[in-house]
PDB file of N, CA and C in Angstrom:
ATOM      1  N   UNK A   1     -18.639  11.431  20.589  1.00  0.00           N
ATOM      2  CA  UNK A   1     -17.231  11.712  20.423  1.00  0.00           C
ATOM      3  C   UNK A   1     -16.575  11.278  21.664  1.00  0.00           C
ATOM      4  N   UNK A   2     -17.142  10.471  22.188  1.00  0.00           N
ATOM      5  CA  UNK A   2     -16.636   9.386  23.403  1.00  0.00           C
ATOM      6  C   UNK A   2     -15.429   8.122  22.729  1.00  0.00           C
ATOM      7  N   UNK A   3     -15.790   7.630  21.503  1.00  0.00           N
ATOM      8  CA  UNK A   3     -14.852   6.940  20.623  1.00  0.00           C
ATOM      9  C   UNK A   3     -13.524   7.727  19.979  1.00  0.00           C
ATOM     10  N   UNK A   4     -12.343   7.566  20.251  1.00  0.00           N
ATOM     11  CA  UNK A   4     -11.679   8.699  19.523  1.00  0.00           C
ATOM     12  C   UNK A   4     -10.844   7.776  18.193  1.00  0.00           C
ATOM     13  N   UNK A   5     -11.320   6.552  17.849  1.00  0.00           N
ATOM     14  CA  UNK A   5     -10.631   6.028  17.012  1.00  0.00           C
ATOM     15  C   UNK A   5     -11.196   4.383  16.477  1.00  0.00           C
ATOM     16  N   UNK A   6     -10.811   3.951  15.540  1.00  0.00           N
ATOM     17  CA  UNK A   6     -11.525   2.533  15.362  1.00  0.00           C
ATOM     18  C   UNK A   6     -10.029   1.858  14.626  1.00  0.00           C
ATOM     19  N   UNK A   7      -9.816   0.554  14.717  1.00  0.00           N
ATOM     20  CA  UNK A   7      -9.467  -0.525  13.849  1.00  0.00           C
ATOM     21  C   UNK A   7      -9.872  -1.069  13.301  1.00  0.00           C
ATOM     22  N   UNK A   8     -10.096  -1.273  11.785  1.00  0.00           N
ATOM     23  CA  UNK A   8     -10.884  -2.314  11.065  1.00  0.00           C
ATOM     24  C   UNK A   8      -9.865  -3.498  10.366  1.00  0.00           C
ATOM     25  N   UNK A   9     -10.522  -4.808  11.062  1.00  0.00           N
ATOM     26  CA  UNK A   9     -10.252  -5.751   9.812  1.00  0.00           C
ATOM     27  C   UNK A   9      -9.590  -5.488   8.784  1.00  0.00           C
ATOM     28  N   UNK A  10      -8.427  -5.693   8.294  1.00  0.00           N
ATOM     29  CA  UNK A  10      -7.683  -5.685   6.624  1.00  0.00           C
ATOM     30  C   UNK A  10      -7.863  -4.463   6.589  1.00  0.00           C
ATOM     31  N   UNK A  11      -7.943  -3.548   7.550  1.00  0.00           N
ATOM     32  CA  UNK A  11      -7.544  -2.153   6.614  1.00  0.00           C
ATOM     33  C   UNK A  11      -7.001  -0.890   8.117  1.00  0.00           C
ATOM     34  N   UNK A  12      -6.492   0.449   7.611  1.00  0.00           N
ATOM     35  CA  UNK A  12      -5.935   0.823   8.289  1.00  0.00           C
ATOM     36  C   UNK A  12      -6.585   1.473   9.898  1.00  0.00           C
ATOM     37  N   UNK A  13      -6.110   2.378  10.281  1.00  0.00           N
ATOM     38  CA  UNK A  13      -7.188   2.724  11.776  1.00  0.00           C
ATOM     39  C   UNK A  13      -7.411   3.987  11.493  1.00  0.00           C
ATOM     40  N   UNK A  14      -8.255   4.345  11.626  1.00  0.00           N
ATOM     41  CA  UNK A  14      -9.094   5.893  11.713  1.00  0.00           C
ATOM     42  C   UNK A  14      -9.092   6.387  12.767  1.00  0.00           C
ATOM     43  N   UNK A  15      -9.088   7.338  12.964  1.00  0.00           N
ATOM     44  CA  UNK A  15      -8.716   8.469  14.108  1.00  0.00           C
ATOM     45  C   UNK A  15      -9.220   9.547  14.033  1.00  0.00           C
ATOM     46  N   UNK A  16      -9.841  10.422  14.717  1.00  0.00           N
ATOM     47  CA  UNK A  16     -10.136  11.614  14.885  1.00  0.00           C
ATOM     48  C   UNK A  16     -10.352  11.983  16.653  1.00  0.00           C
ATOM     49  N   UNK A  17      -8.866  12.786  16.702  1.00  0.00           N
ATOM     50  CA  UNK A  17      -8.892  12.824  18.146  1.00  0.00           C
ATOM     51  C   UNK A  17      -8.113  14.276  18.600  1.00  0.00           C
ATOM     52  N   UNK A  18      -8.952  14.771  19.433  1.00  0.00           N
ATOM     53  CA  UNK A  18      -8.613  15.793  19.812  1.00  0.00           C
ATOM     54  C   UNK A  18      -7.109  16.444  20.449  1.00  0.00           C
ATOM     55  N   UNK A  19      -6.445  15.481  20.931  1.00  0.00           N
ATOM     56  CA  UNK A  19      -5.264  15.956  21.487  1.00  0.00           C
ATOM     57  C   UNK A  19      -4.259  14.980  21.374  1.00  0.00           C
ATOM     58  N   UNK A  20      -2.669  15.004  21.393  1.00  0.00           N
ATOM     59  CA  UNK A  20      -2.018  14.590  20.877  1.00  0.00           C
ATOM     60  C   UNK A  20      -2.148  12.826  21.744  1.00  0.00           C
ATOM     61  N   UNK A  21      -2.146  13.099  23.338  1.00  0.00           N
ATOM     62  CA  UNK A  21      -2.203  12.078  24.014  1.00  0.00           C
ATOM     63  C   UNK A  21      -3.090  10.398  23.259  1.00  0.00           C
ATOM     64  N   UNK A  22      -4.459  11.027  23.099  1.00  0.00           N
ATOM     65  CA  UNK A  22      -5.303   9.910  22.093  1.00  0.00           C
ATOM     66  C   UNK A  22      -4.990   9.497  20.930  1.00  0.00           C
ATOM     67  N   UNK A  23      -3.974  10.129  20.398  1.00  0.00           N
ATOM     68  CA  UNK A  23      -3.231  10.107  19.486  1.00  0.00           C
ATOM     69  C   UNK A  23      -2.138   9.138  19.144  1.00  0.00           C
ATOM     70  N   UNK A  24      -1.392   9.051  20.218  1.00  0.00           N
ATOM     71  CA  UNK A  24      -0.503   8.449  20.692  1.00  0.00           C
ATOM     72  C   UNK A  24      -0.950   6.657  21.154  1.00  0.00           C
ATOM     73  N   UNK A  25      -2.158   6.717  21.905  1.00  0.00           N
ATOM     74  CA  UNK A  25      -2.644   5.840  21.936  1.00  0.00           C
ATOM     75  C   UNK A  25      -3.342   4.993  20.837  1.00  0.00           C
ATOM     76  N   UNK A  26      -3.629   5.420  19.821  1.00  0.00           N
ATOM     77  CA  UNK A  26      -4.130   4.914  18.548  1.00  0.00           C
ATOM     78  C   UNK A  26      -2.968   4.337  17.904  1.00  0.00           C
ATOM     79  N   UNK A  27      -2.005   4.859  17.870  1.00  0.00           N
ATOM     80  CA  UNK A  27      -0.353   4.809  17.279  1.00  0.00           C
ATOM     81  C   UNK A  27       0.015   3.219  17.952  1.00  0.00           C
ATOM     82  N   UNK A  28      -0.065   3.536  19.203  1.00  0.00           N
ATOM     83  CA  UNK A  28       0.034   1.851  19.939  1.00  0.00           C
ATOM     84  C   UNK A  28      -0.600   0.872  19.715  1.00  0.00           C
ATOM     85  N   UNK A  29      -1.951   0.886  19.844  1.00  0.00           N
ATOM     86  CA  UNK A  29      -3.297  -0.121  19.088  1.00  0.00           C
ATOM     87  C   UNK A  29      -2.333  -0.795  17.481  1.00  0.00           C
ATOM     88  N   UNK A  30      -1.840   0.240  17.253  1.00  0.00           N
ATOM     89  CA  UNK A  30      -1.453  -0.136  15.402  1.00  0.00           C
ATOM     90  C   UNK A  30      -0.175  -0.905  15.669  1.00  0.00           C
ATOM     91  N   UNK A  31       0.944  -0.448  16.535  1.00  0.00           N
ATOM     92  CA  UNK A  31       2.096  -1.220  16.712  1.00  0.00           C
ATOM     93  C   UNK A  31       1.894  -2.611  17.217  1.00  0.00           C
ATOM     94  N   UNK A  32       0.676  -3.114  18.427  1.00  0.00           N
ATOM     95  CA  UNK A  32       0.366  -3.906  18.687  1.00  0.00           C
ATOM     96  C   UNK A  32      -0.043  -5.072  17.360  1.00  0.00           C
ATOM     97  N   UNK A  33      -0.701  -4.569  16.797  1.00  0.00           N
ATOM     98  CA  UNK A  33      -1.100  -5.035  15.601  1.00  0.00           C
ATOM     99  C   UNK A  33       0.031  -5.354  14.527  1.00  0.00           C
ATOM    100  N   UNK A  34       0.876  -4.519  14.120  1.00  0.00           N
ATOM    101  CA  UNK A  34       1.881  -4.936  13.337  1.00  0.00           C
ATOM    102  C   UNK A  34       2.948  -6.455  14.288  1.00  0.00           C
ATOM    103  N   UNK A  35       3.144  -5.520  15.449  1.00  0.00           N
ATOM    104  CA  UNK A  35       4.012  -6.877  16.108  1.00  0.00           C
ATOM    105  C   UNK A  35       3.290  -8.547  16.225  1.00  0.00           C
ATOM    106  N   UNK A  36       2.056  -8.533  16.613  1.00  0.00           N
ATOM    107  CA  UNK A  36       1.352  -9.823  16.332  1.00  0.00           C
ATOM    108  C   UNK A  36       1.782 -10.066  15.388  1.00  0.00           C
ATOM    109  N   UNK A  37       1.338  -9.586  14.233  1.00  0.00           N
ATOM    110  CA  UNK A  37       1.775 -10.623  12.154  1.00  0.00           C
ATOM    111  C   UNK A  37       3.652 -11.277  13.029  1.00  0.00           C
ATOM    112  N   UNK A  38       4.039 -10.025  13.232  1.00  0.00           N
ATOM    113  CA  UNK A  38       5.570 -10.420  13.452  1.00  0.00           C
ATOM    114  C   UNK A  38       5.428 -11.506  14.112  1.00  0.00           C
ATOM    115  N   UNK A  39       5.343 -11.811  15.259  1.00  0.00           N
ATOM    116  CA  UNK A  39       5.657 -12.358  16.095  1.00  0.00           C
ATOM    117  C   UNK A  39       5.156 -13.843  15.463  1.00  0.00           C
ATOM    118  N   UNK A  40       3.674 -13.931  15.282  1.00  0.00           N
ATOM    119  CA  UNK A  40       2.832 -14.999  15.032  1.00  0.00           C
ATOM    120  C   UNK A  40       2.592 -15.127  13.490  1.00  0.00           C
ATOM    121  N   UNK A  41       3.400 -15.895  12.702  1.00  0.00           N
ATOM    122  CA  UNK A  41       3.349 -16.056  11.674  1.00  0.00           C
ATOM    123  C   UNK A  41       2.005 -16.463  11.161  1.00  0.00           C
ATOM    124  N   UNK A  42       1.692 -17.483  11.906  1.00  0.00           N
ATOM    125  CA  UNK A  42      -0.110 -18.182  11.727  1.00  0.00           C
ATOM    126  C   UNK A  42      -1.251 -16.966  12.006  1.00  0.00           C
ATOM    127  N   UNK A  43      -0.671 -15.624  12.592  1.00  0.00           N
ATOM    128  CA  UNK A  43      -1.707 -14.519  12.230  1.00  0.00           C
ATOM    129  C   UNK A  43      -2.227 -13.991  11.105  1.00  0.00           C
ATOM    130  N   UNK A  44      -3.649 -14.160  10.965  1.00  0.00           N
ATOM    131  CA  UNK A  44      -4.446 -14.100   9.358  1.00  0.00           C
ATOM    132  C   UNK A  44      -3.593 -12.243   8.914  1.00  0.00           C
ATOM    133  N   UNK A  45      -3.133 -12.338   7.901  1.00  0.00           N
ATOM    134  CA  UNK A  45      -2.782 -11.074   7.260  1.00  0.00           C
ATOM    135  C   UNK A  45      -3.736 -10.310   6.284  1.00  0.00           C
ATOM    136  N   UNK A  46      -3.446  -9.775   6.177  1.00  0.00           N
ATOM    137  CA  UNK A  46      -4.403  -8.873   4.512  1.00  0.00           C
ATOM    138  C   UNK A  46      -4.171  -9.662   3.330  1.00  0.00           C
ATOM    139  N   UNK A  47      -5.516 -10.130   2.605  1.00  0.00           N
ATOM    140  CA  UNK A  47      -6.000 -10.741   1.897  1.00  0.00           C
ATOM    141  C   UNK A  47      -4.923 -10.053   0.203  1.00  0.00           C
ATOM    142  N   UNK A  48      -4.373 -10.759  -0.226  1.00  0.00           N
ATOM    143  CA  UNK A  48      -3.471 -10.056  -1.468  1.00  0.00           C
ATOM    144  C   UNK A  48      -4.876  -9.263  -2.365  1.00  0.00           C
ATOM    145  N   UNK A  49      -6.013  -9.922  -2.908  1.00  0.00           N
ATOM    146  CA  UNK A  49      -6.850  -9.224  -3.467  1.00  0.00           C
ATOM    147  C   UNK A  49      -6.955  -7.868  -2.609  1.00  0.00           C
ATOM    148  N   UNK A  50      -7.352  -7.496  -1.471  1.00  0.00           N
ATOM    149  CA  UNK A  50      -7.353  -6.401  -1.359  1.00  0.00           C
ATOM    150  C   UNK A  50      -6.625  -5.580  -0.942  1.00  0.00           C
ATOM    151  N   UNK A  51      -5.171  -5.724  -0.866  1.00  0.00           N
ATOM    152  CA  UNK A  51      -4.127  -5.378  -1.078  1.00  0.00           C
ATOM    153  C   UNK A  51      -3.998  -4.157  -2.475  1.00  0.00           C
ATOM    154  N   UNK A  52      -4.155  -5.274  -3.859  1.00  0.00           N
ATOM    155  CA  UNK A  52      -4.712  -5.218  -4.780  1.00  0.00           C
ATOM    156  C   UNK A  52      -5.149  -3.795  -5.034  1.00  0.00           C
ATOM    157  N   UNK A  53      -6.161  -4.320  -4.463  1.00  0.00           N
ATOM    158  CA  UNK A  53      -7.547  -3.010  -4.638  1.00  0.00           C
ATOM    159  C   UNK A  53      -7.244  -1.642  -4.309  1.00  0.00           C
ATOM    160  N   UNK A  54      -6.621  -1.329  -2.983  1.00  0.00           N
ATOM    161  CA  UNK A  54      -5.996  -0.451  -2.818  1.00  0.00           C
ATOM    162  C   UNK A  54      -4.946   0.115  -3.067  1.00  0.00           C
ATOM    163  N   UNK A  55      -4.414  -0.534  -3.803  1.00  0.00           N
ATOM    164  CA  UNK A  55      -2.916  -0.148  -4.571  1.00  0.00           C
ATOM    165  C   UNK A  55      -3.276   0.601  -6.078  1.00  0.00           C
ATOM    166  N   UNK A  56      -3.831  -0.288  -6.693  1.00  0.00           N
ATOM    167  CA  UNK A  56      -4.616  -0.156  -8.103  1.00  0.00           C
ATOM    168  C   UNK A  56      -5.785   1.099  -7.785  1.00  0.00           C
ATOM    169  N   UNK A  57      -6.500   1.083  -7.048  1.00  0.00           N
ATOM    170  CA  UNK A  57      -7.528   2.625  -7.384  1.00  0.00           C
ATOM    171  C   UNK A  57      -6.946   3.527  -7.162  1.00  0.00           C
ATOM    172  N   UNK A  58      -5.536   3.667  -6.852  1.00  0.00           N
ATOM    173  CA  UNK A  58      -4.716   4.947  -7.013  1.00  0.00           C
ATOM    174  C   UNK A  58      -3.220   5.147  -7.648  1.00  0.00           C
ATOM    175  N   UNK A  59      -3.026   3.778  -8.252  1.00  0.00           N
ATOM    176  CA  UNK A  59      -2.367   3.325  -9.320  1.00  0.00           C
ATOM    177  C   UNK A  59      -2.489   2.901 -10.653  1.00  0.00           C
ATOM    178  N   UNK A  60      -1.996   3.401 -11.601  1.00  0.00           N
ATOM    179  CA  UNK A  60      -2.232   2.516 -12.318  1.00  0.00           C
ATOM    180  C   UNK A  60      -2.938   2.844 -13.878  1.00  0.00           C
ATOM    181  N   UNK A  61      -3.287   2.917 -15.043  1.00  0.00           N
ATOM    182  CA  UNK A  61      -4.101   3.103 -16.057  1.00  0.00           C
ATOM    183  C   UNK A  61      -5.697   3.269 -15.543  1.00  0.00           C
ATOM    184  N   UNK A  62      -6.060   2.414 -14.602  1.00  0.00           N
ATOM    185  CA  UNK A  62      -7.430   2.823 -13.772  1.00  0.00           C
ATOM    186  C   UNK A  62      -7.716   3.690 -12.802  1.00  0.00           C
ATOM    187  N   UNK A  63      -6.789   4.395 -12.109  1.00  0.00           N
ATOM    188  CA  UNK A  63      -7.100   4.888 -11.219  1.00  0.00           C
ATOM    189  C   UNK A  63      -7.999   5.162 -10.955  1.00  0.00           C
ATOM    190  N   UNK A  64      -8.616   5.539  -9.930  1.00  0.00           N
ATOM    191  CA  UNK A  64      -9.939   6.106  -9.267  1.00  0.00           C
ATOM    192  C   UNK A  64     -10.382   7.039  -8.685  1.00  0.00           C
ATOM    193  N   UNK A  65      -9.225   6.843  -7.449  1.00  0.00           N
ATOM    194  CA  UNK A  65      -8.871   7.378  -6.195  1.00  0.00           C
ATOM    195  C   UNK A  65      -7.642   8.666  -5.645  1.00  0.00           C
ATOM    196  N   UNK A  66      -7.831   9.762  -5.381  1.00  0.00           N
ATOM    197  CA  UNK A  66      -7.185  10.938  -5.589  1.00  0.00           C
ATOM    198  C   UNK A  66      -6.316  11.262  -6.565  1.00  0.00           C
ATOM    199  N   UNK A  67      -7.235  11.528  -7.517  1.00  0.00           N
ATOM    200  CA  UNK A  67      -6.572  12.127  -8.876  1.00  0.00           C
ATOM    201  C   UNK A  67      -6.405  13.587  -8.913  1.00  0.00           C
ATOM    202  N   UNK A  68      -5.762  14.218  -9.727  1.00  0.00           N
ATOM    203  CA  UNK A  68      -5.225  15.546  -9.799  1.00  0.00           C
ATOM    204  C   UNK A  68      -5.646  15.697 -10.915  1.00  0.00           C
TER     205      UNK A  68
END
């Protein structure tokens, strides 16, 4: 439990924090990643097929994630 969160390539941050301070630190990493993409037009972004995969697994005719 020494590691309070991780950032995955082309994915969101996962965190399991015990206090607000560590949650704020993880959010700062997210801001840095976001600003990197804004500043550097050559920074690699998430590929469209992966964006589509995550979107369509939750929405549309064949959705399968978090259904009611």
